[in-house]
């Protein structure tokens, strides 16, 4: 039997159904834990096969530099009481500068970028801090610029959320972002700020529920 790969339209429809469930469960969790970072769907484009380079630098592969605007993504992972969570695994994944995921099921006509890793992983230090190097995400059909996060506490379950850019014009048209309350949107939307190292920096703290 011929294998039919899901296209972006079907993936986004599936995401919409998942978002409805997430909104219900997330609303209940938020009522009991208002300071926790809102959960978001994992989405369909988590890598099926991890890249050969499994580090925190998404903006280069085997010496090749990714296309697009380099950025730094950094922050802390915290317990609900504000104390840092060390030794937590943090993963991110996103599209390249053309709007394509490095995933077998992404049938976008956008180009593949051999210098972009697409996914990265790091571990928080004793102060709960993490840091990635990547490129500025861009919008694609139905979605504003965003970066997927997966955070796994030692011995705990994986928590999924997404970072949005606060000044992105497409935020109002993003079906997942639009389902969030204003308070939740403020928790997930960050601004790219100038940094001493010369690359715009997105600072995104994650408070686990």
Foldseek 3Di string as FASTA:
>chain_A
DDDDFDEPVVQVVVQLVVLVVLLVVQVVVCVVQVVAQRFGDQGDQDAPDADPDAAQEQQFDPRRGADAAKEKEKEFEAESVRAGAFFKKKKKFAAGPQHFAPYPRYPDPTDDTPGGRRMYMDTAHNRRMDMHMHHFAQDDPQAGGKMKMWIGGVVGDITIDIAHAPPTPCLCRRSSSVSDDPSNNVLRHFHFPADPVGGTYTYHYGYHD
